């Protein structure tokens, strides 16, 4: 298996459709993926989990059940 820089995450259909609808109405994001990446980055910042403060492995351990 090759090592990639991305992983796949599942979203409930209803949540995906709400995001997609918002993007189509506003044009603020180019894709659902861009919206989700922005939302996750913002949440990590709220939690104080930045790349500068925490190694990648520690961030993953804290947000993965």
N, C-alpha and C. Protein backbone atom coordinates (compact mmCIF):
# COMPACT_ATOMS: atom_id res chain seq x y z
N UNK A 1 0.84 -1.18 0.00
CA UNK A 1 0.00 0.00 0.00
C UNK A 1 0.89 1.24 0.00
N UNK A 2 0.55 2.21 -0.82
CA UNK A 2 1.37 3.41 -0.86
C UNK A 2 0.89 4.40 0.20
N UNK A 3 1.85 5.14 0.68
CA UNK A 3 1.56 6.14 1.71
C UNK A 3 1.13 7.44 1.03
N UNK A 4 -0.07 7.90 1.36
CA UNK A 4 -0.57 9.16 0.80
C UNK A 4 -0.67 10.20 1.91
N UNK A 5 -0.89 11.43 1.51
CA UNK A 5 -1.00 12.51 2.50
C UNK A 5 -2.45 12.80 2.86
N UNK A 6 -3.37 11.97 2.40
CA UNK A 6 -4.79 12.18 2.69
C UNK A 6 -5.41 10.91 3.24
N UNK A 7 -6.45 11.07 4.03
CA UNK A 7 -7.26 9.98 4.55
C UNK A 7 -8.71 10.30 4.24
N UNK A 8 -9.55 9.29 4.21
CA UNK A 8 -10.97 9.45 3.92
C UNK A 8 -11.77 9.45 5.21
N UNK A 9 -12.75 10.34 5.27
CA UNK A 9 -13.64 10.44 6.43
C UNK A 9 -15.07 10.41 5.91
N UNK A 10 -15.93 9.67 6.57
CA UNK A 10 -17.33 9.60 6.17
C UNK A 10 -18.17 10.67 6.84
N UNK A 11 -19.12 11.20 6.08
CA UNK A 11 -20.09 12.16 6.62
C UNK A 11 -21.48 11.61 6.38
N UNK A 12 -22.39 11.79 7.33
CA UNK A 12 -23.77 11.41 7.07
C UNK A 12 -24.30 12.20 5.86
N UNK A 13 -25.14 11.57 5.06
CA UNK A 13 -25.64 12.18 3.83
C UNK A 13 -26.29 13.53 4.09
N UNK A 14 -27.09 13.62 5.14
CA UNK A 14 -27.77 14.88 5.44
C UNK A 14 -26.80 16.02 5.71
N UNK A 15 -25.74 15.73 6.43
CA UNK A 15 -24.73 16.76 6.72
C UNK A 15 -24.01 17.17 5.44
N UNK A 16 -23.65 16.20 4.62
CA UNK A 16 -23.00 16.49 3.34
C UNK A 16 -23.89 17.38 2.48
N UNK A 17 -25.17 17.05 2.42
CA UNK A 17 -26.10 17.83 1.59
C UNK A 17 -26.28 19.25 2.10
N UNK A 18 -26.26 19.44 3.44
CA UNK A 18 -26.36 20.79 3.99
C UNK A 18 -25.14 21.62 3.61
N UNK A 19 -23.96 21.00 3.67
CA UNK A 19 -22.73 21.70 3.29
C UNK A 19 -22.76 22.03 1.81
N UNK A 20 -23.13 21.05 1.00
CA UNK A 20 -23.19 21.24 -0.45
C UNK A 20 -24.16 22.36 -0.82
N UNK A 21 -25.32 22.38 -0.18
CA UNK A 21 -26.31 23.42 -0.43
C UNK A 21 -25.76 24.80 -0.08
N UNK A 22 -25.07 24.89 1.05
CA UNK A 22 -24.46 26.16 1.46
C UNK A 22 -23.45 26.63 0.42
N UNK A 23 -22.62 25.72 -0.05
CA UNK A 23 -21.60 26.07 -1.06
C UNK A 23 -22.26 26.56 -2.34
N UNK A 24 -23.29 25.88 -2.79
CA UNK A 24 -23.98 26.28 -4.02
C UNK A 24 -24.65 27.65 -3.87
N UNK A 25 -25.21 27.94 -2.68
CA UNK A 25 -25.86 29.23 -2.43
C UNK A 25 -24.87 30.37 -2.34
N UNK A 26 -23.74 30.13 -1.70
CA UNK A 26 -22.83 31.23 -1.38
C UNK A 26 -21.59 31.31 -2.28
N UNK A 27 -21.16 30.17 -2.81
CA UNK A 27 -19.93 30.14 -3.59
C UNK A 27 -18.68 30.41 -2.78
N UNK A 28 -18.80 30.31 -1.45
CA UNK A 28 -17.67 30.64 -0.58
C UNK A 28 -16.57 29.58 -0.58
N UNK A 29 -16.87 28.38 -0.96
CA UNK A 29 -15.89 27.29 -1.01
C UNK A 29 -15.97 26.64 -2.38
N UNK A 30 -14.86 26.05 -2.80
CA UNK A 30 -14.84 25.40 -4.11
C UNK A 30 -15.37 23.97 -4.07
N UNK A 31 -15.44 23.37 -2.87
CA UNK A 31 -15.91 22.00 -2.74
C UNK A 31 -16.28 21.69 -1.30
N UNK A 32 -16.98 20.58 -1.11
CA UNK A 32 -17.29 20.12 0.24
C UNK A 32 -15.99 19.82 0.99
N UNK A 33 -15.02 19.24 0.31
CA UNK A 33 -13.73 18.95 0.95
C UNK A 33 -13.07 20.21 1.50
N UNK A 34 -13.09 21.28 0.72
CA UNK A 34 -12.49 22.53 1.19
C UNK A 34 -13.23 23.07 2.41
N UNK A 35 -14.55 22.99 2.41
CA UNK A 35 -15.35 23.42 3.55
C UNK A 35 -14.97 22.62 4.80
N UNK A 36 -14.91 21.30 4.65
CA UNK A 36 -14.63 20.42 5.79
C UNK A 36 -13.21 20.67 6.31
N UNK A 37 -12.22 20.81 5.42
CA UNK A 37 -10.85 21.09 5.87
C UNK A 37 -10.80 22.38 6.66
N UNK A 38 -11.50 23.41 6.20
CA UNK A 38 -11.53 24.68 6.91
C UNK A 38 -12.20 24.52 8.28
N UNK A 39 -13.31 23.80 8.32
CA UNK A 39 -14.03 23.59 9.58
C UNK A 39 -13.17 22.82 10.59
N UNK A 40 -12.47 21.81 10.13
CA UNK A 40 -11.61 21.01 11.02
C UNK A 40 -10.44 21.86 11.51
N UNK A 41 -9.81 22.61 10.63
CA UNK A 41 -8.71 23.49 11.06
C UNK A 41 -9.16 24.48 12.13
N UNK A 42 -10.34 25.08 11.90
CA UNK A 42 -10.86 26.05 12.87
C UNK A 42 -11.14 25.38 14.22
N UNK A 43 -11.70 24.17 14.20
CA UNK A 43 -12.00 23.46 15.45
C UNK A 43 -10.71 23.09 16.19
N UNK A 44 -9.71 22.64 15.45
CA UNK A 44 -8.43 22.32 16.08
C UNK A 44 -7.82 23.56 16.73
N UNK A 45 -7.95 24.70 16.07
CA UNK A 45 -7.45 25.95 16.65
C UNK A 45 -8.21 26.28 17.93
N UNK A 46 -9.54 26.10 17.93
CA UNK A 46 -10.35 26.34 19.14
C UNK A 46 -9.88 25.47 20.30
N UNK A 47 -9.49 24.25 19.99
CA UNK A 47 -9.05 23.31 21.01
C UNK A 47 -7.59 23.51 21.40
N UNK A 48 -6.93 24.44 20.72
CA UNK A 48 -5.53 24.70 21.00
C UNK A 48 -4.59 23.66 20.42
N UNK A 49 -5.06 22.94 19.41
CA UNK A 49 -4.24 21.90 18.79
C UNK A 49 -3.71 22.39 17.45
N UNK A 50 -2.54 23.01 17.50
CA UNK A 50 -1.92 23.50 16.27
C UNK A 50 -0.71 22.66 15.95
N UNK A 51 -0.29 22.66 14.70
CA UNK A 51 0.89 21.89 14.29
C UNK A 51 2.12 22.33 15.06
N UNK A 52 2.20 23.60 15.41
CA UNK A 52 3.36 24.11 16.14
C UNK A 52 3.43 23.58 17.56
N UNK A 53 2.25 23.40 18.18
CA UNK A 53 2.20 23.01 19.58
C UNK A 53 2.22 21.50 19.82
N UNK A 54 1.73 20.73 18.85
CA UNK A 54 1.57 19.30 19.05
C UNK A 54 2.08 18.52 17.85
N UNK A 55 2.84 17.46 18.10
CA UNK A 55 3.21 16.60 16.98
C UNK A 55 1.97 15.99 16.35
N UNK A 56 2.04 15.65 15.09
CA UNK A 56 0.90 15.10 14.35
C UNK A 56 0.29 13.90 15.07
N UNK A 57 1.12 13.01 15.59
CA UNK A 57 0.62 11.80 16.26
C UNK A 57 -0.21 12.15 17.49
N UNK A 58 0.20 13.17 18.22
CA UNK A 58 -0.54 13.58 19.41
C UNK A 58 -1.89 14.17 19.03
N UNK A 59 -1.94 14.95 17.97
CA UNK A 59 -3.21 15.52 17.51
C UNK A 59 -4.16 14.39 17.14
N UNK A 60 -3.68 13.41 16.39
CA UNK A 60 -4.53 12.29 15.96
C UNK A 60 -5.02 11.51 17.17
N UNK A 61 -4.18 11.30 18.16
CA UNK A 61 -4.58 10.54 19.34
C UNK A 61 -5.68 11.26 20.10
N UNK A 62 -5.65 12.59 20.13
CA UNK A 62 -6.65 13.34 20.89
C UNK A 62 -7.99 13.43 20.19
N UNK A 63 -8.03 13.39 18.87
CA UNK A 63 -9.30 13.55 18.18
C UNK A 63 -9.87 12.22 17.69
N UNK A 64 -9.12 11.13 17.81
CA UNK A 64 -9.59 9.82 17.41
C UNK A 64 -10.07 9.06 18.63
N UNK A 65 -11.32 8.56 18.58
CA UNK A 65 -11.82 7.82 19.75
C UNK A 65 -11.04 6.54 20.00
